[in-house]
Structures are given as C-alpha cells and as structure tokens.
Amino acid sequence: MQPIVVYDTNILISGMVWGGIPYDCIELAMTDRVDGVTCIEILAEFDEKLTTKLEYPRFRTSRIVTRLLGFLRMVKITNQLNG
C-alpha cells in the first residue's frame, strides 16, 4: 500500500512556483510513488495566495490547479472523526 500524502498550501506554492525540495515531494505524487490527496479548501487557499500575494494572473493559477488535479486525488473534508 502506498503512503497517502496531503500537501499543504505552503508546499504546493513552494513546489509549483519555486521548485526545489518541495517540488521533489510533489513529484512523488506525479510519479505514483505516493497517493497525493487534496481538497477544495486547500486548492482555494492555494489559488487565493497565488493571485493576491504573488499576483499571478487567474489563467495561470487555473492552469496550475488543473495540473495538480491531474495527479492529486480530491477528498472531502467532513469535520467528523471516524470512531
């Protein structure tokens, strides 16, 4: 069974914008060595930070999010603990 990895907004921004070790971590999901997951909340924050803090144009953030969705699995956050 592959490890499941949730990439937070900081890793997504660092990896997809600047590269380096954060990109290497994301690449693990791109190459199916880990099961990378995300959620709408993380992607919304990612999009917001790229457009407001880094002043990326909307079309560019859209392209990056689409790329991420090509290899990350979407999960729903339910705010419920499994017991």
PDB file of N, CA and C in Angstrom:
ATOM      1  N   MET A   1       0.845  -1.183   0.000  1.00  0.00           N
ATOM      2  CA  MET A   1       0.000   0.000   0.000  1.00  0.00           C
ATOM      3  C   MET A   1       0.895   1.253   0.000  1.00  0.00           C
ATOM      4  N   GLN A   2       0.572   2.182  -0.872  1.00  0.00           N
ATOM      5  CA  GLN A   2       1.344   3.422  -0.965  1.00  0.00           C
ATOM      6  C   GLN A   2       1.029   4.354   0.201  1.00  0.00           C
ATOM      7  N   PRO A   3       2.011   5.135   0.602  1.00  0.00           N
ATOM      8  CA  PRO A   3       1.732   6.177   1.595  1.00  0.00           C
ATOM      9  C   PRO A   3       0.760   7.199   1.017  1.00  0.00           C
ATOM     10  N   ILE A   4      -0.089   7.746   1.880  1.00  0.00           N
ATOM     11  CA  ILE A   4      -1.015   8.813   1.484  1.00  0.00           C
ATOM     12  C   ILE A   4      -0.436  10.122   1.989  1.00  0.00           C
ATOM     13  N   VAL A   5      -0.331  11.106   1.094  1.00  0.00           N
ATOM     14  CA  VAL A   5       0.281  12.385   1.436  1.00  0.00           C
ATOM     15  C   VAL A   5      -0.682  13.520   1.130  1.00  0.00           C
ATOM     16  N   VAL A   6      -0.900  14.383   2.116  1.00  0.00           N
ATOM     17  CA  VAL A   6      -1.672  15.602   1.915  1.00  0.00           C
ATOM     18  C   VAL A   6      -0.670  16.747   1.870  1.00  0.00           C
ATOM     19  N   TYR A   7      -0.634  17.448   0.748  1.00  0.00           N
ATOM     20  CA  TYR A   7       0.275  18.574   0.595  1.00  0.00           C
ATOM     21  C   TYR A   7      -0.428  19.841   1.038  1.00  0.00           C
ATOM     22  N   ASP A   8       0.163  20.557   2.003  1.00  0.00           N
ATOM     23  CA  ASP A   8      -0.473  21.799   2.440  1.00  0.00           C
ATOM     24  C   ASP A   8      -0.192  22.910   1.426  1.00  0.00           C
ATOM     25  N   THR A   9      -0.842  24.034   1.616  1.00  0.00           N
ATOM     26  CA  THR A   9      -0.731  25.159   0.687  1.00  0.00           C
ATOM     27  C   THR A   9       0.707  25.631   0.535  1.00  0.00           C
ATOM     28  N   ASN A  10       1.449  25.672   1.638  1.00  0.00           N
ATOM     29  CA  ASN A  10       2.841  26.139   1.566  1.00  0.00           C
ATOM     30  C   ASN A  10       3.704  25.238   0.690  1.00  0.00           C
ATOM     31  N   ILE A  11       3.541  23.946   0.797  1.00  0.00           N
ATOM     32  CA  ILE A  11       4.310  23.024  -0.038  1.00  0.00           C
ATOM     33  C   ILE A  11       3.887  23.160  -1.494  1.00  0.00           C
ATOM     34  N   LEU A  12       2.586  23.274  -1.748  1.00  0.00           N
ATOM     35  CA  LEU A  12       2.121  23.430  -3.130  1.00  0.00           C
ATOM     36  C   LEU A  12       2.689  24.699  -3.758  1.00  0.00           C
ATOM     37  N   ILE A  13       2.641  25.808  -3.023  1.00  0.00           N
ATOM     38  CA  ILE A  13       3.164  27.065  -3.573  1.00  0.00           C
ATOM     39  C   ILE A  13       4.679  26.953  -3.778  1.00  0.00           C
ATOM     40  N   SER A  14       5.391  26.512  -2.760  1.00  0.00           N
ATOM     41  CA  SER A  14       6.844  26.407  -2.874  1.00  0.00           C
ATOM     42  C   SER A  14       7.247  25.490  -4.023  1.00  0.00           C
ATOM     43  N   GLY A  15       6.602  24.342  -4.105  1.00  0.00           N
ATOM     44  CA  GLY A  15       6.958  23.367  -5.132  1.00  0.00           C
ATOM     45  C   GLY A  15       6.575  23.783  -6.534  1.00  0.00           C
ATOM     46  N   MET A  16       5.381  24.316  -6.695  1.00  0.00           N
ATOM     47  CA  MET A  16       4.896  24.639  -8.033  1.00  0.00           C
ATOM     48  C   MET A  16       5.419  25.987  -8.527  1.00  0.00           C
ATOM     49  N   VAL A  17       5.857  26.847  -7.635  1.00  0.00           N
ATOM     50  CA  VAL A  17       6.349  28.167  -8.037  1.00  0.00           C
ATOM     51  C   VAL A  17       7.877  28.196  -8.063  1.00  0.00           C
ATOM     52  N   TRP A  18       8.509  27.720  -6.987  1.00  0.00           N
ATOM     53  CA  TRP A  18       9.965  27.851  -6.870  1.00  0.00           C
ATOM     54  C   TRP A  18      10.725  26.555  -7.082  1.00  0.00           C
ATOM     55  N   GLY A  19      10.076  25.414  -6.938  1.00  0.00           N
ATOM     56  CA  GLY A  19      10.760  24.142  -7.156  1.00  0.00           C
ATOM     57  C   GLY A  19      11.482  23.650  -5.922  1.00  0.00           C
ATOM     58  N   GLY A  20      12.663  23.094  -6.117  1.00  0.00           N
ATOM     59  CA  GLY A  20      13.472  22.599  -5.004  1.00  0.00           C
ATOM     60  C   GLY A  20      12.900  21.353  -4.353  1.00  0.00           C
ATOM     61  N   ILE A  21      13.206  21.185  -3.074  1.00  0.00           N
ATOM     62  CA  ILE A  21      12.758  20.006  -2.325  1.00  0.00           C
ATOM     63  C   ILE A  21      11.235  19.907  -2.277  1.00  0.00           C
ATOM     64  N   PRO A  22      10.485  21.016  -2.082  1.00  0.00           N
ATOM     65  CA  PRO A  22       9.025  20.884  -2.120  1.00  0.00           C
ATOM     66  C   PRO A  22       8.523  20.305  -3.451  1.00  0.00           C
ATOM     67  N   TYR A  23       9.156  20.704  -4.551  1.00  0.00           N
ATOM     68  CA  TYR A  23       8.766  20.140  -5.846  1.00  0.00           C
ATOM     69  C   TYR A  23       9.084  18.653  -5.887  1.00  0.00           C
ATOM     70  N   ASP A  24      10.235  18.278  -5.347  1.00  0.00           N
ATOM     71  CA  ASP A  24      10.598  16.855  -5.302  1.00  0.00           C
ATOM     72  C   ASP A  24       9.537  16.048  -4.556  1.00  0.00           C
ATOM     73  N   CYS A  25       8.990  16.623  -3.492  1.00  0.00           N
ATOM     74  CA  CYS A  25       7.925  15.958  -2.728  1.00  0.00           C
ATOM     75  C   CYS A  25       6.660  15.814  -3.572  1.00  0.00           C
ATOM     76  N   ILE A  26       6.300  16.868  -4.290  1.00  0.00           N
ATOM     77  CA  ILE A  26       5.117  16.822  -5.166  1.00  0.00           C
ATOM     78  C   ILE A  26       5.330  15.818  -6.293  1.00  0.00           C
ATOM     79  N   GLU A  27       6.556  15.750  -6.781  1.00  0.00           N
ATOM     80  CA  GLU A  27       6.876  14.821  -7.865  1.00  0.00           C
ATOM     81  C   GLU A  27       6.630  13.365  -7.464  1.00  0.00           C
ATOM     82  N   LEU A  28       6.724  13.065  -6.183  1.00  0.00           N
ATOM     83  CA  LEU A  28       6.401  11.716  -5.712  1.00  0.00           C
ATOM     84  C   LEU A  28       4.973  11.336  -6.072  1.00  0.00           C
ATOM     85  N   ALA A  29       4.055  12.292  -5.969  1.00  0.00           N
ATOM     86  CA  ALA A  29       2.662  12.029  -6.349  1.00  0.00           C
ATOM     87  C   ALA A  29       2.525  11.982  -7.867  1.00  0.00           C
ATOM     88  N   MET A  30       3.245  12.857  -8.567  1.00  0.00           N
ATOM     89  CA  MET A  30       3.189  12.871 -10.039  1.00  0.00           C
ATOM     90  C   MET A  30       3.611  11.529 -10.621  1.00  0.00           C
ATOM     91  N   THR A  31       4.555  10.879  -9.983  1.00  0.00           N
ATOM     92  CA  THR A  31       5.109   9.619 -10.489  1.00  0.00           C
ATOM     93  C   THR A  31       4.518   8.395  -9.785  1.00  0.00           C
ATOM     94  N   ASP A  32       3.411   8.586  -9.089  1.00  0.00           N
ATOM     95  CA  ASP A  32       2.677   7.496  -8.433  1.00  0.00           C
ATOM     96  C   ASP A  32       3.477   6.738  -7.377  1.00  0.00           C
ATOM     97  N   ARG A  33       4.444   7.401  -6.754  1.00  0.00           N
ATOM     98  CA  ARG A  33       5.169   6.745  -5.662  1.00  0.00           C
ATOM     99  C   ARG A  33       4.473   6.958  -4.333  1.00  0.00           C
ATOM    100  N   VAL A  34       3.607   7.973  -4.267  1.00  0.00           N
ATOM    101  CA  VAL A  34       2.721   8.186  -3.122  1.00  0.00           C
ATOM    102  C   VAL A  34       1.341   8.508  -3.666  1.00  0.00           C
ATOM    103  N   ASP A  35       0.335   8.332  -2.843  1.00  0.00           N
ATOM    104  CA  ASP A  35      -1.033   8.704  -3.190  1.00  0.00           C
ATOM    105  C   ASP A  35      -1.251  10.128  -2.679  1.00  0.00           C
ATOM    106  N   GLY A  36      -1.101  11.112  -3.548  1.00  0.00           N
ATOM    107  CA  GLY A  36      -1.273  12.505  -3.161  1.00  0.00           C
ATOM    108  C   GLY A  36      -2.742  12.874  -3.134  1.00  0.00           C
ATOM    109  N   VAL A  37      -3.159  13.538  -2.062  1.00  0.00           N
ATOM    110  CA  VAL A  37      -4.556  13.951  -1.947  1.00  0.00           C
ATOM    111  C   VAL A  37      -4.630  15.446  -1.654  1.00  0.00           C
ATOM    112  N   THR A  38      -5.752  16.020  -2.016  1.00  0.00           N
ATOM    113  CA  THR A  38      -6.033  17.420  -1.717  1.00  0.00           C
ATOM    114  C   THR A  38      -7.527  17.578  -1.518  1.00  0.00           C
ATOM    115  N   CYS A  39      -7.930  18.788  -1.196  1.00  0.00           N
ATOM    116  CA  CYS A  39      -9.346  19.080  -1.007  1.00  0.00           C
ATOM    117  C   CYS A  39      -9.626  20.479  -1.552  1.00  0.00           C
ATOM    118  N   ILE A  40     -10.876  20.796  -1.687  1.00  0.00           N
ATOM    119  CA  ILE A  40     -11.272  22.091  -2.229  1.00  0.00           C
ATOM    120  C   ILE A  40     -10.762  23.241  -1.360  1.00  0.00           C
ATOM    121  N   GLU A  41     -10.717  23.036  -0.057  1.00  0.00           N
ATOM    122  CA  GLU A  41     -10.245  24.089   0.846  1.00  0.00           C
ATOM    123  C   GLU A  41      -8.770  24.428   0.605  1.00  0.00           C
ATOM    124  N   ILE A  42      -7.943  23.411   0.415  1.00  0.00           N
ATOM    125  CA  ILE A  42      -6.518  23.641   0.149  1.00  0.00           C
ATOM    126  C   ILE A  42      -6.342  24.311  -1.201  1.00  0.00           C
ATOM    127  N   LEU A  43      -7.047  23.819  -2.216  1.00  0.00           N
ATOM    128  CA  LEU A  43      -6.914  24.413  -3.547  1.00  0.00           C
ATOM    129  C   LEU A  43      -7.426  25.848  -3.590  1.00  0.00           C
ATOM    130  N   ALA A  44      -8.472  26.152  -2.840  1.00  0.00           N
ATOM    131  CA  ALA A  44      -8.982  27.529  -2.791  1.00  0.00           C
ATOM    132  C   ALA A  44      -7.963  28.460  -2.142  1.00  0.00           C
ATOM    133  N   GLU A  45      -7.342  28.004  -1.051  1.00  0.00           N
ATOM    134  CA  GLU A  45      -6.320  28.821  -0.394  1.00  0.00           C
ATOM    135  C   GLU A  45      -5.102  28.986  -1.315  1.00  0.00           C
ATOM    136  N   PHE A  46      -4.710  27.919  -1.978  1.00  0.00           N
ATOM    137  CA  PHE A  46      -3.599  27.952  -2.930  1.00  0.00           C
ATOM    138  C   PHE A  46      -3.862  28.992  -4.022  1.00  0.00           C
ATOM    139  N   ASP A  47      -5.042  28.933  -4.604  1.00  0.00           N
ATOM    140  CA  ASP A  47      -5.439  29.878  -5.657  1.00  0.00           C
ATOM    141  C   ASP A  47      -5.435  31.315  -5.133  1.00  0.00           C
ATOM    142  N   GLU A  48      -5.985  31.502  -3.943  1.00  0.00           N
ATOM    143  CA  GLU A  48      -6.065  32.848  -3.359  1.00  0.00           C
ATOM    144  C   GLU A  48      -4.669  33.426  -3.097  1.00  0.00           C
ATOM    145  N   LYS A  49      -3.768  32.605  -2.557  1.00  0.00           N
ATOM    146  CA  LYS A  49      -2.413  33.084  -2.264  1.00  0.00           C
ATOM    147  C   LYS A  49      -1.649  33.418  -3.546  1.00  0.00           C
ATOM    148  N   LEU A  50      -1.803  32.594  -4.571  1.00  0.00           N
ATOM    149  CA  LEU A  50      -1.120  32.884  -5.832  1.00  0.00           C
ATOM    150  C   LEU A  50      -1.614  34.192  -6.447  1.00  0.00           C
ATOM    151  N   THR A  51      -2.924  34.416  -6.408  1.00  0.00           N
ATOM    152  CA  THR A  51      -3.461  35.615  -7.062  1.00  0.00           C
ATOM    153  C   THR A  51      -3.281  36.870  -6.220  1.00  0.00           C
ATOM    154  N   THR A  52      -3.422  36.791  -4.899  1.00  0.00           N
ATOM    155  CA  THR A  52      -3.341  38.007  -4.086  1.00  0.00           C
ATOM    156  C   THR A  52      -1.926  38.307  -3.613  1.00  0.00           C
ATOM    157  N   LYS A  53      -1.234  37.324  -3.087  1.00  0.00           N
ATOM    158  CA  LYS A  53       0.109  37.564  -2.542  1.00  0.00           C
ATOM    159  C   LYS A  53       1.179  37.620  -3.637  1.00  0.00           C
ATOM    160  N   LEU A  54       1.087  36.701  -4.599  1.00  0.00           N
ATOM    161  CA  LEU A  54       2.111  36.621  -5.635  1.00  0.00           C
ATOM    162  C   LEU A  54       1.677  37.284  -6.947  1.00  0.00           C
ATOM    163  N   GLU A  55       0.435  37.766  -6.975  1.00  0.00           N
ATOM    164  CA  GLU A  55      -0.122  38.493  -8.121  1.00  0.00           C
ATOM    165  C   GLU A  55      -0.054  37.705  -9.429  1.00  0.00           C
ATOM    166  N   TYR A  56      -0.305  36.408  -9.322  1.00  0.00           N
ATOM    167  CA  TYR A  56      -0.386  35.588 -10.527  1.00  0.00           C
ATOM    168  C   TYR A  56      -1.692  35.901 -11.242  1.00  0.00           C
ATOM    169  N   PRO A  57      -1.691  35.931 -12.565  1.00  0.00           N
ATOM    170  CA  PRO A  57      -2.951  36.106 -13.292  1.00  0.00           C
ATOM    171  C   PRO A  57      -3.836  34.866 -13.117  1.00  0.00           C
ATOM    172  N   ARG A  58      -5.125  35.080 -13.137  1.00  0.00           N
ATOM    173  CA  ARG A  58      -6.096  33.997 -12.910  1.00  0.00           C
ATOM    174  C   ARG A  58      -5.867  32.816 -13.863  1.00  0.00           C
ATOM    175  N   PHE A  59      -5.584  33.078 -15.139  1.00  0.00           N
ATOM    176  CA  PHE A  59      -5.396  31.981 -16.094  1.00  0.00           C
ATOM    177  C   PHE A  59      -4.205  31.106 -15.695  1.00  0.00           C
ATOM    178  N   ARG A  60      -3.187  31.702 -15.123  1.00  0.00           N
ATOM    179  CA  ARG A  60      -2.012  30.929 -14.715  1.00  0.00           C
ATOM    180  C   ARG A  60      -2.314  30.067 -13.496  1.00  0.00           C
ATOM    181  N   THR A  61      -3.027  30.626 -12.522  1.00  0.00           N
ATOM    182  CA  THR A  61      -3.383  29.823 -11.344  1.00  0.00           C
ATOM    183  C   THR A  61      -4.303  28.681 -11.745  1.00  0.00           C
ATOM    184  N   SER A  62      -5.200  28.960 -12.664  1.00  0.00           N
ATOM    185  CA  SER A  62      -6.114  27.927 -13.161  1.00  0.00           C
ATOM    186  C   SER A  62      -5.336  26.784 -13.813  1.00  0.00           C
ATOM    187  N   ARG A  63      -4.334  27.133 -14.573  1.00  0.00           N
ATOM    188  CA  ARG A  63      -3.517  26.123 -15.251  1.00  0.00           C
ATOM    189  C   ARG A  63      -2.766  25.258 -14.229  1.00  0.00           C
ATOM    190  N   ILE A  64      -2.246  25.895 -13.181  1.00  0.00           N
ATOM    191  CA  ILE A  64      -1.507  25.148 -12.162  1.00  0.00           C
ATOM    192  C   ILE A  64      -2.449  24.221 -11.391  1.00  0.00           C
ATOM    193  N   VAL A  65      -3.635  24.719 -11.023  1.00  0.00           N
ATOM    194  CA  VAL A  65      -4.611  23.885 -10.310  1.00  0.00           C
ATOM    195  C   VAL A  65      -5.021  22.703 -11.184  1.00  0.00           C
ATOM    196  N   THR A  66      -5.239  22.938 -12.464  1.00  0.00           N
ATOM    197  CA  THR A  66      -5.598  21.851 -13.382  1.00  0.00           C
ATOM    198  C   THR A  66      -4.488  20.810 -13.428  1.00  0.00           C
ATOM    199  N   ARG A  67      -3.258  21.266 -13.457  1.00  0.00           N
ATOM    200  CA  ARG A  67      -2.121  20.337 -13.453  1.00  0.00           C
ATOM    201  C   ARG A  67      -2.114  19.499 -12.180  1.00  0.00           C
ATOM    202  N   LEU A  68      -2.326  20.145 -11.030  1.00  0.00           N
ATOM    203  CA  LEU A  68      -2.367  19.420  -9.758  1.00  0.00           C
ATOM    204  C   LEU A  68      -3.465  18.363  -9.755  1.00  0.00           C
ATOM    205  N   LEU A  69      -4.620  18.715 -10.303  1.00  0.00           N
ATOM    206  CA  LEU A  69      -5.751  17.782 -10.316  1.00  0.00           C
ATOM    207  C   LEU A  69      -5.510  16.592 -11.243  1.00  0.00           C
ATOM    208  N   GLY A  70      -4.477  16.695 -12.075  1.00  0.00           N
ATOM    209  CA  GLY A  70      -4.126  15.575 -12.930  1.00  0.00           C
ATOM    210  C   GLY A  70      -3.473  14.422 -12.180  1.00  0.00           C
ATOM    211  N   PHE A  71      -2.948  14.686 -10.986  1.00  0.00           N
ATOM    212  CA  PHE A  71      -2.297  13.608 -10.243  1.00  0.00           C
ATOM    213  C   PHE A  71      -2.644  13.576  -8.756  1.00  0.00           C
ATOM    214  N   LEU A  72      -3.363  14.568  -8.240  1.00  0.00           N
ATOM    215  CA  LEU A  72      -3.800  14.533  -6.842  1.00  0.00           C
ATOM    216  C   LEU A  72      -5.252  14.084  -6.776  1.00  0.00           C
ATOM    217  N   ARG A  73      -5.572  13.267  -5.807  1.00  0.00           N
ATOM    218  CA  ARG A  73      -6.943  12.791  -5.618  1.00  0.00           C
ATOM    219  C   ARG A  73      -7.685  13.757  -4.708  1.00  0.00           C
ATOM    220  N   MET A  74      -8.882  14.144  -5.127  1.00  0.00           N
ATOM    221  CA  MET A  74      -9.710  15.050  -4.323  1.00  0.00           C
ATOM    222  C   MET A  74     -10.418  14.260  -3.225  1.00  0.00           C
ATOM    223  N   VAL A  75     -10.379  14.800  -2.012  1.00  0.00           N
ATOM    224  CA  VAL A  75     -11.118  14.217  -0.896  1.00  0.00           C
ATOM    225  C   VAL A  75     -11.997  15.306  -0.295  1.00  0.00           C
ATOM    226  N   LYS A  76     -13.044  14.888   0.374  1.00  0.00           N
ATOM    227  CA  LYS A  76     -13.948  15.831   1.019  1.00  0.00           C
ATOM    228  C   LYS A  76     -13.641  15.868   2.507  1.00  0.00           C
ATOM    229  N   ILE A  77     -13.530  17.066   3.042  1.00  0.00           N
ATOM    230  CA  ILE A  77     -13.310  17.243   4.484  1.00  0.00           C
ATOM    231  C   ILE A  77     -14.682  17.265   5.155  1.00  0.00           C
ATOM    232  N   THR A  78     -14.907  16.344   6.089  1.00  0.00           N
ATOM    233  CA  THR A  78     -16.228  16.224   6.708  1.00  0.00           C
ATOM    234  C   THR A  78     -16.284  16.783   8.115  1.00  0.00           C
ATOM    235  N   ASN A  79     -15.133  17.087   8.711  1.00  0.00           N
ATOM    236  CA  ASN A  79     -15.064  17.540  10.098  1.00  0.00           C
ATOM    237  C   ASN A  79     -15.632  16.532  11.077  1.00  0.00           C
ATOM    238  N   GLN A  80     -15.567  15.265  10.712  1.00  0.00           N
ATOM    239  CA  GLN A  80     -16.027  14.203  11.592  1.00  0.00           C
ATOM    240  C   GLN A  80     -14.901  13.197  11.782  1.00  0.00           C
ATOM    241  N   LEU A  81     -14.742  12.731  12.993  1.00  0.00           N
ATOM    242  CA  LEU A  81     -13.757  11.708  13.281  1.00  0.00           C
ATOM    243  C   LEU A  81     -14.376  10.333  13.088  1.00  0.00           C
ATOM    244  N   ASN A  82     -13.606   9.429  12.512  1.00  0.00           N
ATOM    245  CA  ASN A  82     -14.066   8.046  12.413  1.00  0.00           C
ATOM    246  C   ASN A  82     -13.807   7.373  13.737  1.00  0.00           C
ATOM    247  N   GLY A  83     -14.793   6.718  14.265  1.00  0.00           N
ATOM    248  CA  GLY A  83     -14.608   6.145  15.579  1.00  0.00           C
ATOM    249  C   GLY A  83     -14.860   4.748  15.682  1.00  0.00           C
TER     250      GLY A  83
END
